[in-house]
Amino acid sequence: MTTVTGGYRPCMERTDRPRTSDASRTRRTSRGILVGATLGIIAGAAIGLVIGLLINEGWGAGALAAALAGAIFGGLLAAFWGGMSRLEAPPRSEDPSRGPQDRDVPGA
């Protein structure tokens, strides 16, 4: 490693492995997107089907198209909402990336 004047060596940061907080944030956000998309697709399809049945007065292509549109819209909206809600840091007591020394321990 080359040294700069004054004996200073530049710090080499490892970039081949993400930091623990980055990995936990990625897991937390992706879990929020997945749960949001799943619940949004189910709820959107149900709401779209009910609206399609009311407007079209029976089972038909219109009711199924409304259910599909509701599933797509609900899935995208809930995935966005779920991902955004998981960007916040969890409470200190629930953060798995912190060691036991950082957690609030009663009586300590």
PDB file of N, CA and C in Angstrom:
ATOM      1  N   MET A   1       0.849  -1.160   0.000  1.00  0.00           N
ATOM      2  CA  MET A   1       0.000   0.000   0.000  1.00  0.00           C
ATOM      3  C   MET A   1       0.894   1.223   0.000  1.00  0.00           C
ATOM      4  N   THR A   2       0.508   2.205  -0.780  1.00  0.00           N
ATOM      5  CA  THR A   2       1.318   3.413  -0.856  1.00  0.00           C
ATOM      6  C   THR A   2       1.016   4.315   0.314  1.00  0.00           C
ATOM      7  N   THR A   3       2.023   5.020   0.737  1.00  0.00           N
ATOM      8  CA  THR A   3       1.830   5.960   1.840  1.00  0.00           C
ATOM      9  C   THR A   3       1.932   7.371   1.309  1.00  0.00           C
ATOM     10  N   VAL A   4       1.196   8.226   1.944  1.00  0.00           N
ATOM     11  CA  VAL A   4       1.206   9.637   1.589  1.00  0.00           C
ATOM     12  C   VAL A   4       2.103  10.335   2.595  1.00  0.00           C
ATOM     13  N   THR A   5       2.522  11.528   2.281  1.00  0.00           N
ATOM     14  CA  THR A   5       3.425  12.244   3.179  1.00  0.00           C
ATOM     15  C   THR A   5       2.860  12.307   4.581  1.00  0.00           C
ATOM     16  N   GLY A   6       3.711  12.175   5.548  1.00  0.00           N
ATOM     17  CA  GLY A   6       3.306  12.216   6.940  1.00  0.00           C
ATOM     18  C   GLY A   6       2.929  10.851   7.486  1.00  0.00           C
ATOM     19  N   GLY A   7       3.157   9.787   6.736  1.00  0.00           N
ATOM     20  CA  GLY A   7       2.862   8.453   7.209  1.00  0.00           C
ATOM     21  C   GLY A   7       1.393   8.080   7.157  1.00  0.00           C
ATOM     22  N   TYR A   8       0.570   8.866   6.528  1.00  0.00           N
ATOM     23  CA  TYR A   8      -0.858   8.587   6.439  1.00  0.00           C
ATOM     24  C   TYR A   8      -1.116   7.546   5.362  1.00  0.00           C
ATOM     25  N   ARG A   9      -1.832   6.500   5.734  1.00  0.00           N
ATOM     26  CA  ARG A   9      -2.232   5.493   4.749  1.00  0.00           C
ATOM     27  C   ARG A   9      -3.723   5.633   4.503  1.00  0.00           C
ATOM     28  N   PRO A  10      -4.136   5.740   3.262  1.00  0.00           N
ATOM     29  CA  PRO A  10      -5.569   5.857   3.012  1.00  0.00           C
ATOM     30  C   PRO A  10      -6.305   4.603   3.457  1.00  0.00           C
ATOM     31  N   CYS A  11      -7.449   4.811   4.029  1.00  0.00           N
ATOM     32  CA  CYS A  11      -8.259   3.704   4.510  1.00  0.00           C
ATOM     33  C   CYS A  11      -8.924   3.016   3.330  1.00  0.00           C
ATOM     34  N   MET A  12      -8.760   1.728   3.248  1.00  0.00           N
ATOM     35  CA  MET A  12      -9.378   0.958   2.176  1.00  0.00           C
ATOM     36  C   MET A  12     -10.672   0.366   2.713  1.00  0.00           C
ATOM     37  N   GLU A  13     -11.765   0.730   2.108  1.00  0.00           N
ATOM     38  CA  GLU A  13     -13.058   0.218   2.549  1.00  0.00           C
ATOM     39  C   GLU A  13     -13.413  -0.991   1.703  1.00  0.00           C
ATOM     40  N   ARG A  14     -13.883  -2.029   2.360  1.00  0.00           N
ATOM     41  CA  ARG A  14     -14.273  -3.238   1.625  1.00  0.00           C
ATOM     42  C   ARG A  14     -15.626  -2.995   0.981  1.00  0.00           C
ATOM     43  N   THR A  15     -15.686  -3.211  -0.307  1.00  0.00           N
ATOM     44  CA  THR A  15     -16.942  -2.993  -1.023  1.00  0.00           C
ATOM     45  C   THR A  15     -17.526  -4.291  -1.540  1.00  0.00           C
ATOM     46  N   ASP A  16     -16.878  -5.409  -1.271  1.00  0.00           N
ATOM     47  CA  ASP A  16     -17.395  -6.677  -1.776  1.00  0.00           C
ATOM     48  C   ASP A  16     -18.523  -7.230  -0.911  1.00  0.00           C
ATOM     49  N   ARG A  17     -18.733  -6.663   0.253  1.00  0.00           N
ATOM     50  CA  ARG A  17     -19.740  -7.164   1.175  1.00  0.00           C
ATOM     51  C   ARG A  17     -20.512  -5.977   1.752  1.00  0.00           C
ATOM     52  N   PRO A  18     -21.853  -5.995   1.673  1.00  0.00           N
ATOM     53  CA  PRO A  18     -22.600  -4.855   2.215  1.00  0.00           C
ATOM     54  C   PRO A  18     -22.527  -4.823   3.735  1.00  0.00           C
ATOM     55  N   ARG A  19     -22.649  -3.629   4.261  1.00  0.00           N
ATOM     56  CA  ARG A  19     -22.666  -3.495   5.713  1.00  0.00           C
ATOM     57  C   ARG A  19     -23.924  -4.129   6.271  1.00  0.00           C
ATOM     58  N   THR A  20     -23.899  -4.446   7.540  1.00  0.00           N
ATOM     59  CA  THR A  20     -25.031  -5.113   8.173  1.00  0.00           C
ATOM     60  C   THR A  20     -26.282  -4.248   8.109  1.00  0.00           C
ATOM     61  N   SER A  21     -26.128  -2.952   8.317  1.00  0.00           N
ATOM     62  CA  SER A  21     -27.306  -2.093   8.287  1.00  0.00           C
ATOM     63  C   SER A  21     -27.880  -2.024   6.874  1.00  0.00           C
ATOM     64  N   ASP A  22     -27.025  -2.029   5.849  1.00  0.00           N
ATOM     65  CA  ASP A  22     -27.526  -2.026   4.476  1.00  0.00           C
ATOM     66  C   ASP A  22     -28.254  -3.321   4.153  1.00  0.00           C
ATOM     67  N   ALA A  23     -27.706  -4.424   4.598  1.00  0.00           N
ATOM     68  CA  ALA A  23     -28.344  -5.717   4.336  1.00  0.00           C
ATOM     69  C   ALA A  23     -29.674  -5.823   5.064  1.00  0.00           C
ATOM     70  N   SER A  24     -29.733  -5.360   6.295  1.00  0.00           N
ATOM     71  CA  SER A  24     -30.994  -5.445   7.033  1.00  0.00           C
ATOM     72  C   SER A  24     -32.024  -4.482   6.452  1.00  0.00           C
ATOM     73  N   ARG A  25     -31.577  -3.315   5.988  1.00  0.00           N
ATOM     74  CA  ARG A  25     -32.507  -2.374   5.357  1.00  0.00           C
ATOM     75  C   ARG A  25     -33.052  -2.958   4.055  1.00  0.00           C
ATOM     76  N   THR A  26     -32.211  -3.635   3.303  1.00  0.00           N
ATOM     77  CA  THR A  26     -32.650  -4.260   2.052  1.00  0.00           C
ATOM     78  C   THR A  26     -33.658  -5.363   2.328  1.00  0.00           C
ATOM     79  N   ARG A  27     -33.375  -6.206   3.321  1.00  0.00           N
ATOM     80  CA  ARG A  27     -34.319  -7.265   3.678  1.00  0.00           C
ATOM     81  C   ARG A  27     -35.645  -6.691   4.147  1.00  0.00           C
ATOM     82  N   ARG A  28     -35.575  -5.657   4.989  1.00  0.00           N
ATOM     83  CA  ARG A  28     -36.780  -5.057   5.545  1.00  0.00           C
ATOM     84  C   ARG A  28     -37.623  -4.418   4.439  1.00  0.00           C
ATOM     85  N   THR A  29     -36.991  -3.697   3.521  1.00  0.00           N
ATOM     86  CA  THR A  29     -37.720  -3.037   2.450  1.00  0.00           C
ATOM     87  C   THR A  29     -38.311  -4.041   1.475  1.00  0.00           C
ATOM     88  N   SER A  30     -37.527  -5.065   1.105  1.00  0.00           N
ATOM     89  CA  SER A  30     -38.046  -6.058   0.162  1.00  0.00           C
ATOM     90  C   SER A  30     -39.190  -6.861   0.777  1.00  0.00           C
ATOM     91  N   ARG A  31     -39.126  -7.111   2.075  1.00  0.00           N
ATOM     92  CA  ARG A  31     -40.227  -7.798   2.750  1.00  0.00           C
ATOM     93  C   ARG A  31     -41.489  -6.934   2.744  1.00  0.00           C
ATOM     94  N   GLY A  32     -41.334  -5.640   2.944  1.00  0.00           N
ATOM     95  CA  GLY A  32     -42.473  -4.735   2.906  1.00  0.00           C
ATOM     96  C   GLY A  32     -43.104  -4.662   1.524  1.00  0.00           C
ATOM     97  N   ILE A  33     -42.268  -4.662   0.487  1.00  0.00           N
ATOM     98  CA  ILE A  33     -42.783  -4.638  -0.879  1.00  0.00           C
ATOM     99  C   ILE A  33     -43.532  -5.926  -1.184  1.00  0.00           C
ATOM    100  N   LEU A  34     -42.978  -7.053  -0.783  1.00  0.00           N
ATOM    101  CA  LEU A  34     -43.613  -8.341  -1.061  1.00  0.00           C
ATOM    102  C   LEU A  34     -44.951  -8.480  -0.329  1.00  0.00           C
ATOM    103  N   VAL A  35     -44.972  -8.141   0.940  1.00  0.00           N
ATOM    104  CA  VAL A  35     -46.218  -8.241   1.705  1.00  0.00           C
ATOM    105  C   VAL A  35     -47.257  -7.260   1.167  1.00  0.00           C
ATOM    106  N   GLY A  36     -46.821  -6.041   0.862  1.00  0.00           N
ATOM    107  CA  GLY A  36     -47.741  -5.050   0.323  1.00  0.00           C
ATOM    108  C   GLY A  36     -48.322  -5.471  -1.011  1.00  0.00           C
ATOM    109  N   ALA A  37     -47.481  -5.999  -1.901  1.00  0.00           N
ATOM    110  CA  ALA A  37     -47.964  -6.428  -3.212  1.00  0.00           C
ATOM    111  C   ALA A  37     -48.947  -7.593  -3.078  1.00  0.00           C
ATOM    112  N   THR A  38     -48.639  -8.539  -2.209  1.00  0.00           N
ATOM    113  CA  THR A  38     -49.515  -9.697  -2.034  1.00  0.00           C
ATOM    114  C   THR A  38     -50.884  -9.278  -1.499  1.00  0.00           C
ATOM    115  N   LEU A  39     -50.883  -8.493  -0.439  1.00  0.00           N
ATOM    116  CA  LEU A  39     -52.157  -8.049   0.131  1.00  0.00           C
ATOM    117  C   LEU A  39     -52.903  -7.115  -0.819  1.00  0.00           C
ATOM    118  N   GLY A  40     -52.164  -6.277  -1.541  1.00  0.00           N
ATOM    119  CA  GLY A  40     -52.790  -5.362  -2.485  1.00  0.00           C
ATOM    120  C   GLY A  40     -53.441  -6.073  -3.656  1.00  0.00           C
ATOM    121  N   ILE A  41     -52.805  -7.113  -4.153  1.00  0.00           N
ATOM    122  CA  ILE A  41     -53.391  -7.876  -5.260  1.00  0.00           C
ATOM    123  C   ILE A  41     -54.685  -8.550  -4.809  1.00  0.00           C
ATOM    124  N   ILE A  42     -54.657  -9.143  -3.625  1.00  0.00           N
ATOM    125  CA  ILE A  42     -55.849  -9.831  -3.117  1.00  0.00           C
ATOM    126  C   ILE A  42     -56.979  -8.829  -2.866  1.00  0.00           C
ATOM    127  N   ALA A  43     -56.678  -7.746  -2.160  1.00  0.00           N
ATOM    128  CA  ALA A  43     -57.717  -6.753  -1.849  1.00  0.00           C
ATOM    129  C   ALA A  43     -58.198  -6.045  -3.109  1.00  0.00           C
ATOM    130  N   GLY A  44     -57.275  -5.701  -4.007  1.00  0.00           N
ATOM    131  CA  GLY A  44     -57.665  -5.016  -5.235  1.00  0.00           C
ATOM    132  C   GLY A  44     -58.530  -5.882  -6.128  1.00  0.00           C
ATOM    133  N   ALA A  45     -58.215  -7.170  -6.218  1.00  0.00           N
ATOM    134  CA  ALA A  45     -59.036  -8.073  -7.026  1.00  0.00           C
ATOM    135  C   ALA A  45     -60.432  -8.223  -6.433  1.00  0.00           C
ATOM    136  N   ALA A  46     -60.513  -8.318  -5.118  1.00  0.00           N
ATOM    137  CA  ALA A  46     -61.827  -8.457  -4.470  1.00  0.00           C
ATOM    138  C   ALA A  46     -62.663  -7.204  -4.658  1.00  0.00           C
ATOM    139  N   ILE A  47     -62.071  -6.046  -4.451  1.00  0.00           N
ATOM    140  CA  ILE A  47     -62.808  -4.791  -4.616  1.00  0.00           C
ATOM    141  C   ILE A  47     -63.188  -4.583  -6.077  1.00  0.00           C
ATOM    142  N   GLY A  48     -62.259  -4.867  -6.984  1.00  0.00           N
ATOM    143  CA  GLY A  48     -62.561  -4.734  -8.404  1.00  0.00           C
ATOM    144  C   GLY A  48     -63.653  -5.681  -8.853  1.00  0.00           C
ATOM    145  N   LEU A  49     -63.655  -6.884  -8.319  1.00  0.00           N
ATOM    146  CA  LEU A  49     -64.696  -7.846  -8.681  1.00  0.00           C
ATOM    147  C   LEU A  49     -66.064  -7.390  -8.188  1.00  0.00           C
ATOM    148  N   VAL A  50     -66.133  -6.883  -6.972  1.00  0.00           N
ATOM    149  CA  VAL A  50     -67.405  -6.389  -6.441  1.00  0.00           C
ATOM    150  C   VAL A  50     -67.909  -5.206  -7.270  1.00  0.00           C
ATOM    151  N   ILE A  51     -67.020  -4.267  -7.579  1.00  0.00           N
ATOM    152  CA  ILE A  51     -67.419  -3.119  -8.389  1.00  0.00           C
ATOM    153  C   ILE A  51     -67.837  -3.574  -9.787  1.00  0.00           C
ATOM    154  N   GLY A  52     -67.083  -4.509 -10.373  1.00  0.00           N
ATOM    155  CA  GLY A  52     -67.438  -5.026 -11.693  1.00  0.00           C
ATOM    156  C   GLY A  52     -68.771  -5.740 -11.708  1.00  0.00           C
ATOM    157  N   LEU A  53     -69.069  -6.487 -10.654  1.00  0.00           N
ATOM    158  CA  LEU A  53     -70.361  -7.175 -10.577  1.00  0.00           C
ATOM    159  C   LEU A  53     -71.513  -6.187 -10.406  1.00  0.00           C
ATOM    160  N   LEU A  54     -71.290  -5.130  -9.640  1.00  0.00           N
ATOM    161  CA  LEU A  54     -72.346  -4.133  -9.447  1.00  0.00           C
ATOM    162  C   LEU A  54     -72.612  -3.334 -10.718  1.00  0.00           C
ATOM    163  N   ILE A  55     -71.570  -2.948 -11.420  1.00  0.00           N
ATOM    164  CA  ILE A  55     -71.737  -2.132 -12.618  1.00  0.00           C
ATOM    165  C   ILE A  55     -72.263  -2.964 -13.781  1.00  0.00           C
ATOM    166  N   ASN A  56     -71.734  -4.156 -13.974  1.00  0.00           N
ATOM    167  CA  ASN A  56     -72.090  -4.976 -15.131  1.00  0.00           C
ATOM    168  C   ASN A  56     -73.261  -5.912 -14.867  1.00  0.00           C
ATOM    169  N   GLU A  57     -73.763  -5.947 -13.657  1.00  0.00           N
ATOM    170  CA  GLU A  57     -74.917  -6.768 -13.277  1.00  0.00           C
ATOM    171  C   GLU A  57     -74.750  -8.242 -13.637  1.00  0.00           C
ATOM    172  N   GLY A  58     -73.690  -8.814 -13.201  1.00  0.00           N
ATOM    173  CA  GLY A  58     -73.500 -10.247 -13.417  1.00  0.00           C
ATOM    174  C   GLY A  58     -72.079 -10.587 -13.826  1.00  0.00           C
ATOM    175  N   TRP A  59     -71.849 -11.903 -13.917  1.00  0.00           N
ATOM    176  CA  TRP A  59     -70.530 -12.390 -14.290  1.00  0.00           C
ATOM    177  C   TRP A  59     -70.340 -12.200 -15.797  1.00  0.00           C
ATOM    178  N   GLY A  60     -69.269 -11.647 -16.144  1.00  0.00           N
ATOM    179  CA  GLY A  60     -68.967 -11.457 -17.556  1.00  0.00           C
ATOM    180  C   GLY A  60     -67.557 -10.925 -17.709  1.00  0.00           C
ATOM    181  N   ALA A  61     -67.258 -10.567 -18.924  1.00  0.00           N
ATOM    182  CA  ALA A  61     -65.912 -10.057 -19.206  1.00  0.00           C
ATOM    183  C   ALA A  61     -65.659  -8.737 -18.491  1.00  0.00           C
ATOM    184  N   GLY A  62     -66.692  -7.918 -18.338  1.00  0.00           N
ATOM    185  CA  GLY A  62     -66.538  -6.637 -17.660  1.00  0.00           C
ATOM    186  C   GLY A  62     -66.183  -6.802 -16.188  1.00  0.00           C
ATOM    187  N   ALA A  63     -66.809  -7.764 -15.527  1.00  0.00           N
ATOM    188  CA  ALA A  63     -66.528  -7.999 -14.110  1.00  0.00           C
ATOM    189  C   ALA A  63     -65.114  -8.553 -13.925  1.00  0.00           C
ATOM    190  N   LEU A  64     -64.713  -9.435 -14.808  1.00  0.00           N
ATOM    191  CA  LEU A  64     -63.364  -9.993 -14.707  1.00  0.00           C
ATOM    192  C   LEU A  64     -62.296  -8.954 -15.051  1.00  0.00           C
ATOM    193  N   ALA A  65     -62.600  -8.087 -16.012  1.00  0.00           N
ATOM    194  CA  ALA A  65     -61.659  -7.018 -16.346  1.00  0.00           C
ATOM    195  C   ALA A  65     -61.517  -6.042 -15.189  1.00  0.00           C
ATOM    196  N   ALA A  66     -62.629  -5.741 -14.508  1.00  0.00           N
ATOM    197  CA  ALA A  66     -62.564  -4.857 -13.347  1.00  0.00           C
ATOM    198  C   ALA A  66     -61.767  -5.508 -12.218  1.00  0.00           C
ATOM    199  N   ALA A  67     -61.912  -6.819 -12.048  1.00  0.00           N
ATOM    200  CA  ALA A  67     -61.139  -7.518 -11.017  1.00  0.00           C
ATOM    201  C   ALA A  67     -59.653  -7.499 -11.360  1.00  0.00           C
ATOM    202  N   LEU A  68     -59.310  -7.693 -12.630  1.00  0.00           N
ATOM    203  CA  LEU A  68     -57.904  -7.660 -13.048  1.00  0.00           C
ATOM    204  C   LEU A  68     -57.326  -6.262 -12.864  1.00  0.00           C
ATOM    205  N   ALA A  69     -58.100  -5.250 -13.264  1.00  0.00           N
ATOM    206  CA  ALA A  69     -57.628  -3.870 -13.089  1.00  0.00           C
ATOM    207  C   ALA A  69     -57.451  -3.534 -11.615  1.00  0.00           C
ATOM    208  N   GLY A  70     -58.366  -3.981 -10.788  1.00  0.00           N
ATOM    209  CA  GLY A  70     -58.242  -3.746  -9.348  1.00  0.00           C
ATOM    210  C   GLY A  70     -57.036  -4.450  -8.760  1.00  0.00           C
ATOM    211  N   ALA A  71     -56.755  -5.658  -9.233  1.00  0.00           N
ATOM    212  CA  ALA A  71     -55.595  -6.402  -8.738  1.00  0.00           C
ATOM    213  C   ALA A  71     -54.292  -5.707  -9.128  1.00  0.00           C
ATOM    214  N   ILE A  72     -54.217  -5.223 -10.351  1.00  0.00           N
ATOM    215  CA  ILE A  72     -52.998  -4.536 -10.801  1.00  0.00           C
ATOM    216  C   ILE A  72     -52.810  -3.234 -10.037  1.00  0.00           C
ATOM    217  N   PHE A  73     -53.859  -2.430  -9.980  1.00  0.00           N
ATOM    218  CA  PHE A  73     -53.760  -1.149  -9.275  1.00  0.00           C
ATOM    219  C   PHE A  73     -53.493  -1.354  -7.787  1.00  0.00           C
ATOM    220  N   GLY A  74     -54.230  -2.255  -7.157  1.00  0.00           N
ATOM    221  CA  GLY A  74     -54.035  -2.509  -5.731  1.00  0.00           C
ATOM    222  C   GLY A  74     -52.658  -3.068  -5.422  1.00  0.00           C
ATOM    223  N   GLY A  75     -52.165  -3.954  -6.275  1.00  0.00           N
ATOM    224  CA  GLY A  75     -50.836  -4.526  -6.062  1.00  0.00           C
ATOM    225  C   GLY A  75     -49.736  -3.491  -6.169  1.00  0.00           C
ATOM    226  N   LEU A  76     -49.819  -2.630  -7.189  1.00  0.00           N
ATOM    227  CA  LEU A  76     -48.789  -1.597  -7.358  1.00  0.00           C
ATOM    228  C   LEU A  76     -48.843  -0.569  -6.236  1.00  0.00           C
ATOM    229  N   LEU A  77     -50.044  -0.138  -5.891  1.00  0.00           N
ATOM    230  CA  LEU A  77     -50.180   0.865  -4.831  1.00  0.00           C
ATOM    231  C   LEU A  77     -49.713   0.313  -3.485  1.00  0.00           C
ATOM    232  N   ALA A  78     -50.113  -0.898  -3.155  1.00  0.00           N
ATOM    233  CA  ALA A  78     -49.730  -1.476  -1.861  1.00  0.00           C
ATOM    234  C   ALA A  78     -48.249  -1.832  -1.813  1.00  0.00           C
ATOM    235  N   ALA A  79     -47.668  -2.232  -2.947  1.00  0.00           N
ATOM    236  CA  ALA A  79     -46.225  -2.502  -2.969  1.00  0.00           C
ATOM    237  C   ALA A  79     -45.446  -1.221  -2.716  1.00  0.00           C
ATOM    238  N   PHE A  80     -45.859  -0.130  -3.333  1.00  0.00           N
ATOM    239  CA  PHE A  80     -45.206   1.155  -3.098  1.00  0.00           C
ATOM    240  C   PHE A  80     -45.363   1.578  -1.643  1.00  0.00           C
ATOM    241  N   TRP A  81     -46.568   1.461  -1.128  1.00  0.00           N
ATOM    242  CA  TRP A  81     -46.842   1.844   0.255  1.00  0.00           C
ATOM    243  C   TRP A  81     -46.063   0.972   1.229  1.00  0.00           C
ATOM    244  N   GLY A  82     -46.030  -0.338   0.985  1.00  0.00           N
ATOM    245  CA  GLY A  82     -45.289  -1.244   1.858  1.00  0.00           C
ATOM    246  C   GLY A  82     -43.795  -0.992   1.840  1.00  0.00           C
ATOM    247  N   GLY A  83     -43.255  -0.693   0.666  1.00  0.00           N
ATOM    248  CA  GLY A  83     -41.830  -0.386   0.579  1.00  0.00           C
ATOM    249  C   GLY A  83     -41.474   0.912   1.262  1.00  0.00           C
ATOM    250  N   MET A  84     -42.310   1.932   1.078  1.00  0.00           N
ATOM    251  CA  MET A  84     -42.035   3.222   1.705  1.00  0.00           C
ATOM    252  C   MET A  84     -42.169   3.149   3.226  1.00  0.00           C
ATOM    253  N   SER A  85     -43.102   2.356   3.713  1.00  0.00           N
ATOM    254  CA  SER A  85     -43.287   2.280   5.162  1.00  0.00           C
ATOM    255  C   SER A  85     -42.137   1.555   5.845  1.00  0.00           C
ATOM    256  N   ARG A  86     -41.423   0.725   5.110  1.00  0.00           N
ATOM    257  CA  ARG A  86     -40.303  -0.014   5.691  1.00  0.00           C
ATOM    258  C   ARG A  86     -38.981   0.734   5.612  1.00  0.00           C
ATOM    259  N   LEU A  87     -38.976   1.932   5.033  1.00  0.00           N
ATOM    260  CA  LEU A  87     -37.732   2.696   4.963  1.00  0.00           C
ATOM    261  C   LEU A  87     -37.353   3.311   6.299  1.00  0.00           C
ATOM    262  N   GLU A  88     -38.327   3.483   7.163  1.00  0.00           N
ATOM    263  CA  GLU A  88     -38.028   4.014   8.485  1.00  0.00           C
ATOM    264  C   GLU A  88     -37.222   2.994   9.278  1.00  0.00           C
ATOM    265  N   ALA A  89     -36.364   3.485  10.129  1.00  0.00           N
ATOM    266  CA  ALA A  89     -35.600   2.589  10.980  1.00  0.00           C
ATOM    267  C   ALA A  89     -36.519   1.981  12.036  1.00  0.00           C
ATOM    268  N   PRO A  90     -36.351   0.701  12.347  1.00  0.00           N
ATOM    269  CA  PRO A  90     -37.173   0.106  13.387  1.00  0.00           C
ATOM    270  C   PRO A  90     -36.774   0.639  14.762  1.00  0.00           C
ATOM    271  N   PRO A  91     -37.625   0.467  15.758  1.00  0.00           N
ATOM    272  CA  PRO A  91     -37.247   0.880  17.115  1.00  0.00           C
ATOM    273  C   PRO A  91     -35.976   0.157  17.555  1.00  0.00           C
ATOM    274  N   ARG A  92     -35.211   0.800  18.404  1.00  0.00           N
ATOM    275  CA  ARG A  92     -33.929   0.221  18.835  1.00  0.00           C
ATOM    276  C   ARG A  92     -34.096  -1.162  19.439  1.00  0.00           C
ATOM    277  N   SER A  93     -35.192  -1.392  20.129  1.00  0.00           N
ATOM    278  CA  SER A  93     -35.363  -2.677  20.794  1.00  0.00           C
ATOM    279  C   SER A  93     -35.681  -3.793  19.809  1.00  0.00           C
ATOM    280  N   GLU A  94     -36.154  -3.461  18.585  1.00  0.00           N
ATOM    281  CA  GLU A  94     -36.534  -4.483  17.620  1.00  0.00           C
ATOM    282  C   GLU A  94     -35.542  -4.622  16.475  1.00  0.00           C
ATOM    283  N   ASP A  95     -34.480  -3.842  16.457  1.00  0.00           N
ATOM    284  CA  ASP A  95     -33.533  -3.882  15.355  1.00  0.00           C
ATOM    285  C   ASP A  95     -32.585  -5.064  15.525  1.00  0.00           C
ATOM    286  N   PRO A  96     -32.651  -6.075  14.636  1.00  0.00           N
ATOM    287  CA  PRO A  96     -31.789  -7.244  14.788  1.00  0.00           C
ATOM    288  C   PRO A  96     -30.333  -6.976  14.441  1.00  0.00           C
ATOM    289  N   SER A  97     -30.039  -5.872  13.747  1.00  0.00           N
ATOM    290  CA  SER A  97     -28.652  -5.619  13.369  1.00  0.00           C
ATOM    291  C   SER A  97     -27.831  -5.067  14.531  1.00  0.00           C
ATOM    292  N   ARG A  98     -28.484  -4.605  15.562  1.00  0.00           N
ATOM    293  CA  ARG A  98     -27.750  -4.092  16.723  1.00  0.00           C
ATOM    294  C   ARG A  98     -27.411  -5.255  17.650  1.00  0.00           C
ATOM    295  N   GLY A  99     -26.281  -5.170  18.220  1.00  0.00           N
ATOM    296  CA  GLY A  99     -25.864  -6.221  19.150  1.00  0.00           C
ATOM    297  C   GLY A  99     -26.544  -6.076  20.489  1.00  0.00           C
ATOM    298  N   PRO A 100     -26.363  -7.049  21.377  1.00  0.00           N
ATOM    299  CA  PRO A 100     -27.004  -6.963  22.693  1.00  0.00           C
ATOM    300  C   PRO A 100     -26.510  -5.785  23.525  1.00  0.00           C
ATOM    301  N   GLN A 101     -25.323  -5.277  23.220  1.00  0.00           N
ATOM    302  CA  GLN A 101     -24.810  -4.159  24.002  1.00  0.00           C
ATOM    303  C   GLN A 101     -25.560  -2.874  23.665  1.00  0.00           C
ATOM    304  N   ASP A 102     -26.199  -2.815  22.499  1.00  0.00           N
ATOM    305  CA  ASP A 102     -26.916  -1.600  22.107  1.00  0.00           C
ATOM    306  C   ASP A 102     -28.370  -1.615  22.506  1.00  0.00           C
ATOM    307  N   ARG A 103     -28.883  -2.758  22.866  1.00  0.00           N
ATOM    308  CA  ARG A 103     -30.307  -2.850  23.193  1.00  0.00           C
ATOM    309  C   ARG A 103     -30.552  -2.346  24.617  1.00  0.00           C
ATOM    310  N   ASP A 104     -31.746  -1.868  24.800  1.00  0.00           N
ATOM    311  CA  ASP A 104     -32.132  -1.411  26.142  1.00  0.00           C
ATOM    312  C   ASP A 104     -32.443  -2.647  26.993  1.00  0.00           C
ATOM    313  N   VAL A 105     -31.623  -2.881  27.992  1.00  0.00           N
ATOM    314  CA  VAL A 105     -31.797  -4.024  28.866  1.00  0.00           C
ATOM    315  C   VAL A 105     -32.321  -3.520  30.204  1.00  0.00           C
ATOM    316  N   PRO A 106     -33.488  -4.041  30.649  1.00  0.00           N
ATOM    317  CA  PRO A 106     -34.010  -3.574  31.929  1.00  0.00           C
ATOM    318  C   PRO A 106     -33.039  -3.923  33.073  1.00  0.00           C
ATOM    319  N   GLY A 107     -32.840  -2.982  33.947  1.00  0.00           N
ATOM    320  CA  GLY A 107     -31.988  -3.200  35.107  1.00  0.00           C
ATOM    321  C   GLY A 107     -30.509  -3.019  34.830  1.00  0.00           C
ATOM    322  N   ALA A 108     -30.162  -2.639  33.615  1.00  0.00           N
ATOM    323  CA  ALA A 108     -28.729  -2.467  33.302  1.00  0.00           C
ATOM    324  C   ALA A 108     -28.321  -1.034  33.445  1.00  0.00           C
TER     325      ALA A 108
END
